[in-house]
């Protein structure tokens, strides 16, 4: 009987060991699965999109005057922001600046670089006689101090994010509009009409379903500051939800207006439905939809001569060269003639 009891005891120990081994194995597998899941969720935050270099943002050597938080700018200010580390202006960027200055001679055109620093003025010759254009350098770490963006700017997220250029632009855009008010314009636009007749606070539809982030105007009044602060909160929310670097565009104004307007449908957003914040139709600023932007570069005529701006399609048309008889060439000859002459056969890149 003793040997039988001993055998049973041995079997119990083996069963206990087997159950314990199964539990440990299950726990290890569960842990590994959890880590893989977290990697899947968090990895896009810092790996999606093209690899870019924004190390120049943190270099102190520069040849432009520094724009600081305590500087004063005119109420009528237009902002262009270049957040990348490129060393020269493209023909499109130059045309955007020149056309904005020509169409709005009573506004100060602020061209702000968070990374690029001109060592020579060779590629600025077309602006030498333009009294309303100012070129600035800005340090994002210094400019974001004592703002809601200070912590994550200093944390180095922008350096690790593969969409760091785009997120730098978002941060600076709304910090500047919150601080000074004015109008922000993408570099990929040609400005054809004065913007001073527009509402104090406004955005525009890019199409029937989306609000554009490429051109917006905020004043320093209660509405303008409220919308700018909502945009800043939207950026922070994207960071917390791990959406910060998953796409080159966050559609910030879409989210802001859906939260403040009485309708979530962009087609029906207006000052009447958005508490005094105006939303213009796409035909005023995006007369050719992004999907058809290649038409700017093909032989043809200009569509909609009453538009305030013409959007050239951004990264989707980056490699296209404008034909001589294209709408883009015709717009450039009229609204940025110096740039058109300067870049000659390379205009459009």
Protein backbone atom coordinates (compact mmCIF):
# COMPACT_ATOMS: atom_id res chain seq x y z
CA UNK A 1 0.00 0.00 0.00
CA UNK A 2 2.88 2.32 0.73
CA UNK A 3 4.18 2.09 -2.81
CA UNK A 4 0.68 2.83 -4.14
CA UNK A 5 0.37 5.94 -2.02
CA UNK A 6 3.86 7.03 -3.11
CA UNK A 7 2.88 6.50 -6.75
CA UNK A 8 -0.27 8.57 -6.32
CA UNK A 9 1.74 11.33 -4.63
CA UNK A 10 4.20 11.35 -7.49
CA UNK A 11 1.36 11.59 -10.01
CA UNK A 12 -0.17 14.53 -8.11
CA UNK A 13 3.15 16.36 -8.14
CA UNK A 14 3.47 15.74 -11.88
CA UNK A 15 -0.07 17.00 -12.50
CA UNK A 16 0.63 20.11 -10.37
CA UNK A 17 3.89 20.71 -12.22
CA UNK A 18 2.14 20.27 -15.57
CA UNK A 19 -0.61 22.74 -14.63
CA UNK A 20 1.96 25.22 -13.33
CA UNK A 21 4.00 24.84 -16.52
CA UNK A 22 0.88 25.46 -18.62
CA UNK A 23 0.05 28.61 -16.62
CA UNK A 24 3.60 29.94 -16.93
CA UNK A 25 3.62 29.20 -20.67
CA UNK A 26 0.26 30.91 -21.08
CA UNK A 27 1.48 33.95 -19.13
CA UNK A 28 4.64 34.20 -21.26
CA UNK A 29 2.63 33.94 -24.48
CA UNK A 30 0.15 36.51 -23.21
CA UNK A 31 3.00 38.89 -22.32
CA UNK A 32 4.63 38.49 -25.73
CA UNK A 33 1.28 39.03 -27.47
CA UNK A 34 0.71 42.17 -25.42
CA UNK A 35 4.12 43.55 -26.31
CA UNK A 36 3.59 42.80 -30.00
CA UNK A 37 0.21 44.52 -29.85
CA UNK A 38 1.71 47.62 -28.23
CA UNK A 39 4.46 47.68 -30.83
CA UNK A 40 1.85 47.49 -33.58
CA UNK A 41 -0.10 50.37 -32.07
CA UNK A 42 2.79 52.59 -31.07
CA UNK A 43 5.25 51.93 -33.88
CA UNK A 44 3.32 53.96 -36.49
CA UNK A 45 3.59 56.93 -34.19
CA UNK A 46 7.24 57.20 -35.04
CA UNK A 47 7.69 55.13 -38.19
CA UNK A 48 4.88 56.03 -40.58
CA UNK A 49 5.62 58.32 -43.48
CA UNK A 50 8.85 59.29 -45.20
CA UNK A 51 12.01 59.70 -43.16
CA UNK A 52 12.91 63.36 -42.73
CA UNK A 53 15.61 65.39 -41.05
CA UNK A 54 14.61 68.27 -38.77
CA UNK A 55 17.91 68.57 -36.92
CA UNK A 56 18.31 72.06 -38.40
CA UNK A 57 15.48 73.27 -36.16
CA UNK A 58 17.85 73.12 -33.24
CA UNK A 59 20.89 74.77 -34.83
CA UNK A 60 21.61 78.29 -33.61
CA UNK A 61 23.65 79.37 -36.65
CA UNK A 62 21.40 81.41 -38.95
CA UNK A 63 21.45 84.54 -41.07
CA UNK A 64 17.86 85.74 -40.64
CA UNK A 65 16.41 87.91 -37.85
CA UNK A 66 14.91 85.84 -35.05
CA UNK A 67 11.15 86.07 -34.50
CA UNK A 68 10.44 85.90 -30.79
CA UNK A 69 7.31 85.50 -28.73
CA UNK A 70 7.43 89.07 -27.40
CA UNK A 71 7.80 90.67 -30.86
CA UNK A 72 4.88 92.68 -32.16
CA UNK A 73 3.53 92.16 -35.67
CA UNK A 74 0.92 94.16 -37.61
CA UNK A 75 -2.73 93.15 -37.30
CA UNK A 76 -2.70 92.66 -41.05
CA UNK A 77 -0.17 89.84 -41.16
CA UNK A 78 0.05 86.92 -43.56
CA UNK A 79 2.15 83.91 -42.55
CA UNK A 80 4.06 81.40 -44.65
CA UNK A 81 5.95 78.75 -42.67
CA UNK A 82 8.76 76.52 -43.98
CA UNK A 83 9.48 73.78 -41.39
CA UNK A 84 11.87 71.61 -43.43
CA UNK A 85 15.65 71.68 -43.75
CA UNK A 86 15.79 72.56 -47.44
CA UNK A 87 18.24 75.26 -48.47
CA UNK A 88 16.38 77.05 -51.27
CA UNK A 89 12.92 78.25 -52.14
CA UNK A 90 11.12 76.39 -54.91
CA UNK A 91 9.40 78.27 -57.72
CA UNK A 92 6.01 77.50 -56.16
CA UNK A 93 7.05 78.86 -52.78
CA UNK A 94 8.48 81.98 -54.36
CA UNK A 95 5.30 82.50 -56.39
CA UNK A 96 3.13 82.09 -53.29
CA UNK A 97 5.09 84.79 -51.46
CA UNK A 98 5.23 87.21 -54.39
CA UNK A 99 1.55 86.77 -55.28
CA UNK A 100 0.46 87.33 -51.67
CA UNK A 101 2.57 90.51 -51.47
CA UNK A 102 1.31 91.85 -54.81
CA UNK A 103 -2.34 91.11 -54.05
CA UNK A 104 -2.14 92.48 -50.50
CA UNK A 105 0.23 95.48 -50.56
CA UNK A 106 -1.07 96.78 -47.22
CA UNK A 107 -0.37 93.53 -45.41
CA UNK A 108 2.95 92.35 -43.97
CA UNK A 109 3.99 89.03 -45.51
CA UNK A 110 5.92 87.05 -42.88
CA UNK A 111 7.97 84.19 -44.30
CA UNK A 112 9.12 82.09 -41.37
CA UNK A 113 11.72 79.33 -41.35
CA UNK A 114 12.01 76.94 -38.43
CA UNK A 115 14.84 75.07 -40.10
CA UNK A 116 16.16 76.59 -43.32
CA UNK A 117 18.75 79.32 -42.99
CA UNK A 118 19.91 81.34 -45.98
CA UNK A 119 23.64 81.80 -46.15
CA UNK A 120 23.29 83.98 -49.26
CA UNK A 121 20.50 86.10 -50.66
CA UNK A 122 20.89 84.85 -54.23
CA UNK A 123 17.48 83.18 -54.29
CA UNK A 124 15.72 86.21 -52.77
CA UNK A 125 16.50 88.70 -55.52
CA UNK A 126 12.89 88.73 -56.68
CA UNK A 127 11.87 90.16 -53.29
CA UNK A 128 14.46 92.91 -52.85
CA UNK A 129 12.07 95.70 -53.89
CA UNK A 130 9.09 94.28 -51.99
CA UNK A 131 8.73 96.41 -48.86
CA UNK A 132 5.97 94.32 -47.30
CA UNK A 133 7.85 90.98 -47.20
CA UNK A 134 9.77 90.02 -44.05
CA UNK A 135 11.90 86.89 -43.64
CA UNK A 136 12.28 85.39 -40.17
CA UNK A 137 13.93 82.50 -38.36
CA UNK A 138 12.11 80.91 -35.42
CA UNK A 139 13.28 78.48 -32.73
CA UNK A 140 10.39 76.13 -31.98
CA UNK A 141 11.67 75.17 -28.52
CA UNK A 142 11.93 78.79 -27.46
CA UNK A 143 8.65 79.81 -29.10
CA UNK A 144 6.68 76.98 -27.47
CA UNK A 145 7.81 77.79 -23.92
CA UNK A 146 4.95 78.35 -21.47
CA UNK A 147 2.43 77.06 -24.03
CA UNK A 148 0.48 73.78 -24.13
CA UNK A 149 3.05 72.48 -26.64
CA UNK A 150 6.16 73.05 -24.52
CA UNK A 151 6.33 69.60 -22.94
CA UNK A 152 6.06 67.52 -26.09
CA UNK A 153 8.32 69.83 -28.14
CA UNK A 154 11.10 69.52 -25.55
CA UNK A 155 10.44 65.77 -25.22
CA UNK A 156 11.86 65.23 -28.70
CA UNK A 157 8.75 63.69 -30.28
CA UNK A 158 9.09 65.91 -33.34
CA UNK A 159 12.62 64.59 -33.90
CA UNK A 160 11.46 60.96 -33.74
CA UNK A 161 8.30 61.39 -35.78
CA UNK A 162 8.65 60.68 -39.49
CA UNK A 163 6.01 63.30 -40.14
CA UNK A 164 7.96 65.73 -37.96
CA UNK A 165 8.00 68.45 -40.64
CA UNK A 166 4.21 68.44 -40.94
CA UNK A 167 3.67 68.37 -37.17
CA UNK A 168 6.16 71.22 -36.70
CA UNK A 169 4.10 73.21 -39.19
CA UNK A 170 0.88 72.46 -37.28
CA UNK A 171 2.39 73.51 -33.96
CA UNK A 172 3.85 76.78 -35.28
CA UNK A 173 0.78 77.66 -37.35
CA UNK A 174 -1.65 77.67 -34.44
CA UNK A 175 0.80 79.15 -31.94
CA UNK A 176 1.34 82.11 -34.29
CA UNK A 177 -2.34 82.62 -35.05
CA UNK A 178 -3.11 82.42 -31.32
CA UNK A 179 -0.36 84.94 -30.56
CA UNK A 180 -0.68 87.49 -33.37
CA UNK A 181 -3.79 86.68 -35.38
CA UNK A 182 -3.67 87.01 -39.16
CA UNK A 183 -3.88 84.68 -42.13
CA UNK A 184 -1.89 81.48 -42.67
CA UNK A 185 -1.35 80.33 -46.27
CA UNK A 186 0.23 77.14 -47.60
CA UNK A 187 3.25 77.57 -49.88
CA UNK A 188 1.43 75.64 -52.60
CA UNK A 189 -1.05 78.44 -53.35
CA UNK A 190 -1.16 81.40 -55.70
CA UNK A 191 -2.92 84.41 -54.19
CA UNK A 192 -4.98 86.29 -56.76
CA UNK A 193 -7.16 88.72 -54.79
CA UNK A 194 -6.93 90.96 -51.70
CA UNK A 195 -7.82 89.06 -48.52
CA UNK A 196 -8.69 92.08 -46.38
CA UNK A 197 -12.37 91.99 -47.33
CA UNK A 198 -12.87 88.55 -45.79
CA UNK A 199 -14.42 87.89 -42.38
CA UNK A 200 -12.36 88.41 -39.22
CA UNK A 201 -12.31 84.67 -38.49
CA UNK A 202 -12.69 82.13 -41.24
CA UNK A 203 -11.78 78.86 -42.91
CA UNK A 204 -12.77 77.33 -46.21
CA UNK A 205 -14.04 74.05 -47.52
CA UNK A 206 -11.49 72.13 -49.56
CA UNK A 207 -14.31 70.08 -51.04
CA UNK A 208 -17.89 69.24 -50.07
CA UNK A 209 -16.80 67.08 -47.13
CA UNK A 210 -13.59 68.60 -45.71
CA UNK A 211 -12.47 71.85 -44.14
CA UNK A 212 -9.07 72.94 -45.40
CA UNK A 213 -6.03 73.50 -43.17
CA UNK A 214 -4.08 75.18 -45.98
CA UNK A 215 -5.51 78.69 -45.62
CA UNK A 216 -7.21 80.08 -42.51
CA UNK A 217 -7.72 83.48 -40.91
CA UNK A 218 -8.03 84.24 -37.19
CA UNK A 219 -8.29 87.61 -35.48
CA UNK A 220 -7.20 88.32 -31.92
CA UNK A 221 -10.80 88.63 -30.73
CA UNK A 222 -12.62 86.11 -28.54
CA UNK A 223 -13.71 83.91 -31.45
CA UNK A 224 -10.27 83.81 -33.07
CA UNK A 225 -8.47 82.95 -29.84
CA UNK A 226 -11.07 80.32 -28.96
CA UNK A 227 -10.72 78.55 -32.32
CA UNK A 228 -6.90 78.70 -32.19
CA UNK A 229 -6.93 77.18 -28.70
CA UNK A 230 -9.37 74.48 -29.85
CA UNK A 231 -6.98 73.66 -32.68
CA UNK A 232 -4.13 73.35 -30.20
CA UNK A 233 -6.21 70.99 -28.06
CA UNK A 234 -7.03 68.96 -31.16
CA UNK A 235 -3.30 68.49 -31.85
CA UNK A 236 -2.74 67.41 -28.24
CA UNK A 237 -5.64 64.96 -28.51
CA UNK A 238 -4.09 63.41 -31.61
CA UNK A 239 -0.85 62.99 -29.66
CA UNK A 240 -2.62 61.24 -26.76
CA UNK A 241 -4.54 58.96 -29.13
CA UNK A 242 -1.38 57.96 -31.02
CA UNK A 243 -2.59 59.66 -34.23
CA UNK A 244 0.10 62.32 -34.12
CA UNK A 245 2.41 60.79 -36.73
CA UNK A 246 0.18 58.30 -38.53
CA UNK A 247 -0.61 60.65 -41.40
CA UNK A 248 0.89 63.71 -43.06
CA UNK A 249 -2.39 65.56 -42.38
CA UNK A 250 -4.41 65.63 -39.14
CA UNK A 251 -7.46 67.53 -40.54
CA UNK A 252 -7.38 69.81 -37.53
CA UNK A 253 -9.98 72.36 -38.65
CA UNK A 254 -12.39 69.55 -39.50
CA UNK A 255 -12.27 68.39 -35.90
CA UNK A 256 -12.45 71.90 -34.44
CA UNK A 257 -15.50 72.98 -36.42
CA UNK A 258 -17.34 69.72 -35.94
CA UNK A 259 -17.05 70.43 -32.23
CA UNK A 260 -18.16 74.07 -32.30
CA UNK A 261 -20.74 74.22 -35.11
CA UNK A 262 -24.38 73.19 -34.80
CA UNK A 263 -23.88 70.81 -37.74
CA UNK A 264 -21.14 68.22 -38.30
CA UNK A 265 -21.66 68.44 -42.07
CA UNK A 266 -19.08 70.67 -43.77
CA UNK A 267 -21.55 71.58 -46.52
CA UNK A 268 -23.72 73.46 -44.03
CA UNK A 269 -21.03 75.12 -41.94
CA UNK A 270 -21.15 78.94 -41.96
CA UNK A 271 -21.05 81.88 -39.58
CA UNK A 272 -24.73 81.18 -38.83
CA UNK A 273 -24.08 77.59 -37.79
CA UNK A 274 -20.57 78.07 -36.32
CA UNK A 275 -21.06 80.82 -33.72
CA UNK A 276 -19.81 83.64 -35.91
CA UNK A 277 -16.90 81.75 -37.48
CA UNK A 278 -17.23 81.97 -41.27
CA UNK A 279 -16.70 79.01 -43.61
CA UNK A 280 -16.30 79.85 -47.30
CA UNK A 281 -17.08 77.63 -50.26
CA UNK A 282 -14.26 75.73 -51.94
CA UNK A 283 -14.71 77.65 -55.22
CA UNK A 284 -13.19 80.74 -53.58
CA UNK A 285 -9.89 79.07 -52.58
CA UNK A 286 -9.81 75.61 -54.19
CA UNK A 287 -11.46 76.22 -57.58
CA UNK A 288 -9.80 73.10 -58.95
CA UNK A 289 -10.17 70.18 -56.57
CA UNK A 290 -7.04 68.37 -55.41
CA UNK A 291 -7.95 65.31 -57.50
CA UNK A 292 -7.85 67.45 -60.66
CA UNK A 293 -4.85 69.62 -59.73
CA UNK A 294 -2.76 68.13 -62.55
CA UNK A 295 -4.89 70.24 -64.89
CA UNK A 296 -2.87 73.28 -63.74
CA UNK A 297 0.18 71.85 -65.50
CA UNK A 298 -1.44 70.80 -68.79
CA UNK A 299 -2.23 73.10 -71.72
CA UNK A 300 -5.53 74.84 -71.03
CA UNK A 301 -7.34 77.88 -69.67
CA UNK A 302 -7.77 79.25 -66.15
CA UNK A 303 -10.97 78.15 -64.44
CA UNK A 304 -12.81 80.55 -62.16
CA UNK A 305 -11.26 84.01 -62.51
CA UNK A 306 -12.95 85.12 -59.26
CA UNK A 307 -11.02 82.86 -56.87
CA UNK A 308 -9.00 84.36 -54.03
CA UNK A 309 -6.38 81.61 -54.29
CA UNK A 310 -5.48 78.66 -56.48
CA UNK A 311 -4.24 75.49 -54.78
CA UNK A 312 -1.70 73.57 -56.87
CA UNK A 313 -2.15 70.11 -55.37
CA UNK A 314 0.71 69.78 -52.90
CA UNK A 315 2.73 66.57 -52.87
CA UNK A 316 0.45 65.00 -55.51
CA UNK A 317 1.80 67.33 -58.21
CA UNK A 318 5.30 67.86 -56.85
CA UNK A 319 7.05 66.25 -59.83
CA UNK A 320 5.07 68.03 -62.53
CA UNK A 321 6.50 70.74 -64.73
CA UNK A 322 4.12 73.35 -66.10
CA UNK A 323 3.62 73.48 -69.86
CA UNK A 324 4.04 76.88 -71.49
CA UNK A 325 0.33 77.15 -72.30
CA UNK A 326 -0.85 75.75 -68.95
CA UNK A 327 -3.13 77.57 -66.48
CA UNK A 328 -0.25 77.62 -63.97
CA UNK A 329 2.04 79.52 -66.32
CA UNK A 330 -0.71 82.01 -67.10
CA UNK A 331 -1.42 82.55 -63.40
CA UNK A 332 2.30 82.98 -62.66
CA UNK A 333 2.80 85.56 -65.40
CA UNK A 334 -0.02 87.60 -63.91
CA UNK A 335 0.42 87.22 -60.15
CA UNK A 336 4.14 86.43 -59.63
CA UNK A 337 5.89 87.77 -62.76
CA UNK A 338 9.34 88.16 -61.15
CA UNK A 339 9.34 84.57 -59.99
CA UNK A 340 8.17 83.39 -63.39
CA UNK A 341 11.06 85.16 -65.12
CA UNK A 342 13.59 84.03 -62.50
CA UNK A 343 12.75 80.33 -62.71
CA UNK A 344 12.05 80.38 -66.45
CA UNK A 345 11.83 76.83 -67.83
CA UNK A 346 11.91 75.23 -64.39
CA UNK A 347 8.78 76.98 -63.16
CA UNK A 348 6.28 74.68 -61.44
CA UNK A 349 8.65 72.38 -59.57
